């Protein structure tokens, strides 16, 4: 069985998110004492890099796949995977709030934890999408 357009899209997005957030983690924790300006630049860089990579990948994927229409199954899988993403993101935000209450002077780490939560939520979404496509939902 060949992979559908949506499944290929999820796999590519997973790879892009893993690479960009690995770069973020490597860069962010390499420069822990960086200024707020450096941190904002790093976050903007990660977002821009992710968007550019996604646009290039999705454009190439759309060119090489004639049938890009989504059906009811695709929408169901997206909704189920979105639940997992929301749960992971909400858990990360609640844990970050707890960390901030215990360590009120750790604003830089708070930003890193929130970025980690966003990335982990996206990874969870893509993994669940791939799982549901392979499982046959």
Protein backbone atom coordinates (compact mmCIF):
# COMPACT_ATOMS: atom_id res chain seq x y z
CA UNK A 1 0.00 0.00 0.00
CA UNK A 2 1.41 3.38 -0.98
CA UNK A 3 1.27 6.32 1.37
CA UNK A 4 -1.40 8.95 0.78
CA UNK A 5 -0.67 12.63 0.29
CA UNK A 6 -1.69 13.40 3.89
CA UNK A 7 0.51 10.62 5.26
CA UNK A 8 3.52 11.86 3.29
CA UNK A 9 2.76 15.38 4.48
CA UNK A 10 2.69 14.24 8.12
CA UNK A 11 5.95 12.32 7.75
CA UNK A 12 7.73 15.26 6.15
CA UNK A 13 6.38 17.69 8.72
CA UNK A 14 7.53 15.41 11.53
CA UNK A 15 11.04 15.35 10.10
CA UNK A 16 11.10 19.13 9.63
CA UNK A 17 9.90 19.78 13.19
CA UNK A 18 12.40 17.33 14.66
CA UNK A 19 15.29 18.94 12.78
CA UNK A 20 14.36 22.56 13.52
CA UNK A 21 13.63 21.96 17.20
CA UNK A 22 16.82 19.91 17.59
CA UNK A 23 18.67 22.91 16.16
CA UNK A 24 16.78 25.17 18.57
CA UNK A 25 17.68 22.99 21.57
CA UNK A 26 21.33 22.77 20.54
CA UNK A 27 21.59 26.52 19.98
CA UNK A 28 19.49 27.61 22.97
CA UNK A 29 21.26 25.49 25.55
CA UNK A 30 24.65 26.19 24.03
CA UNK A 31 24.08 29.87 24.83
CA UNK A 32 22.18 29.65 28.13
CA UNK A 33 23.30 33.09 29.28
CA UNK A 34 22.23 34.76 26.04
CA UNK A 35 20.41 38.07 26.12
CA UNK A 36 16.69 38.44 25.53
CA UNK A 37 17.41 39.87 22.07
CA UNK A 38 19.39 36.77 21.12
CA UNK A 39 16.59 34.55 22.40
CA UNK A 40 13.93 36.41 20.39
CA UNK A 41 16.12 36.17 17.30
CA UNK A 42 16.55 32.43 17.85
CA UNK A 43 12.81 31.86 18.25
CA UNK A 44 12.01 33.90 15.15
CA UNK A 45 14.71 31.99 13.29
CA UNK A 46 13.18 28.64 14.25
CA UNK A 47 9.72 29.76 13.20
CA UNK A 48 10.90 31.20 9.87
CA UNK A 49 13.05 28.13 9.14
CA UNK A 50 10.14 25.80 9.90
CA UNK A 51 7.71 27.76 7.73
CA UNK A 52 10.12 27.95 4.78
CA UNK A 53 10.93 24.23 5.00
CA UNK A 54 7.23 23.34 5.25
CA UNK A 55 6.31 25.51 2.26
CA UNK A 56 9.06 24.00 0.11
CA UNK A 57 8.19 20.45 1.16
CA UNK A 58 4.42 20.85 0.75
CA UNK A 59 4.87 22.55 -2.64
CA UNK A 60 7.09 19.74 -3.91
CA UNK A 61 4.71 17.15 -2.51
CA UNK A 62 1.71 18.79 -4.20
CA UNK A 63 3.53 18.95 -7.53
CA UNK A 64 4.36 15.23 -7.48
CA UNK A 65 0.97 14.05 -6.18
CA UNK A 66 -1.98 14.49 -8.48
CA UNK A 67 -4.64 13.72 -5.85
CA UNK A 68 -4.29 16.09 -2.89
CA UNK A 69 -7.94 16.05 -1.85
CA UNK A 70 -8.66 15.09 1.73
CA UNK A 71 -11.56 12.84 2.58
CA UNK A 72 -13.52 12.12 5.74
CA UNK A 73 -10.86 9.71 6.98
CA UNK A 74 -8.18 12.41 6.67
CA UNK A 75 -10.31 14.85 8.63
CA UNK A 76 -10.97 12.24 11.35
CA UNK A 77 -7.27 11.45 11.65
CA UNK A 78 -6.41 15.16 11.82
CA UNK A 79 -8.97 15.64 14.60
CA UNK A 80 -7.72 12.66 16.61
CA UNK A 81 -4.10 13.74 16.22
CA UNK A 82 -5.09 17.29 17.15
CA UNK A 83 -6.40 15.97 20.46
CA UNK A 84 -3.02 14.45 21.24
CA UNK A 85 -1.28 17.69 20.28
CA UNK A 86 -3.59 19.69 22.55
CA UNK A 87 -3.04 17.32 25.46
CA UNK A 88 0.74 17.46 25.14
CA UNK A 89 0.75 21.24 24.73
CA UNK A 90 -1.59 21.78 27.69
CA UNK A 91 0.52 19.49 29.87
CA UNK A 92 3.65 21.37 28.87
CA UNK A 93 2.08 24.74 29.63
CA UNK A 94 0.82 23.58 33.03
CA UNK A 95 4.26 22.18 33.89
CA UNK A 96 5.86 25.44 32.76
CA UNK A 97 3.50 27.42 34.98
CA UNK A 98 4.43 25.17 37.90
CA UNK A 99 8.13 25.62 37.16
CA UNK A 100 7.69 29.39 36.97
CA UNK A 101 5.89 29.46 40.33
CA UNK A 102 8.76 27.58 41.96
CA UNK A 103 11.50 29.53 40.11
CA UNK A 104 10.08 33.04 39.50
CA UNK A 105 13.42 34.42 38.28
CA UNK A 106 13.86 31.84 35.49
CA UNK A 107 12.25 33.73 32.60
CA UNK A 108 14.65 32.35 29.98
CA UNK A 109 13.98 28.77 31.01
CA UNK A 110 10.24 29.50 30.91
CA UNK A 111 10.57 30.51 27.26
CA UNK A 112 12.58 27.36 26.50
CA UNK A 113 10.00 25.16 28.21
CA UNK A 114 7.16 26.76 26.26
CA UNK A 115 9.04 26.30 22.97
CA UNK A 116 9.75 22.70 23.94
CA UNK A 117 6.03 22.19 24.65
CA UNK A 118 5.09 23.59 21.25
CA UNK A 119 7.59 21.37 19.48
CA UNK A 120 6.66 18.29 21.45
CA UNK A 121 2.97 18.91 20.75
CA UNK A 122 3.64 19.09 17.02
CA UNK A 123 5.75 15.92 17.15
CA UNK A 124 2.96 14.12 19.04
CA UNK A 125 0.43 15.24 16.44
CA UNK A 126 2.49 13.97 13.52
CA UNK A 127 3.33 10.67 15.22
CA UNK A 128 -0.34 10.04 15.98
CA UNK A 129 -1.29 10.95 12.41
CA UNK A 130 1.20 8.42 11.07
CA UNK A 131 0.02 5.84 13.58
CA UNK A 132 -3.63 6.27 12.55
CA UNK A 133 -2.79 6.12 8.84
CA UNK A 134 -0.80 2.91 9.34
CA UNK A 135 -3.40 1.44 11.68
CA UNK A 136 -6.14 2.07 9.16
CA UNK A 137 -8.54 4.38 10.96
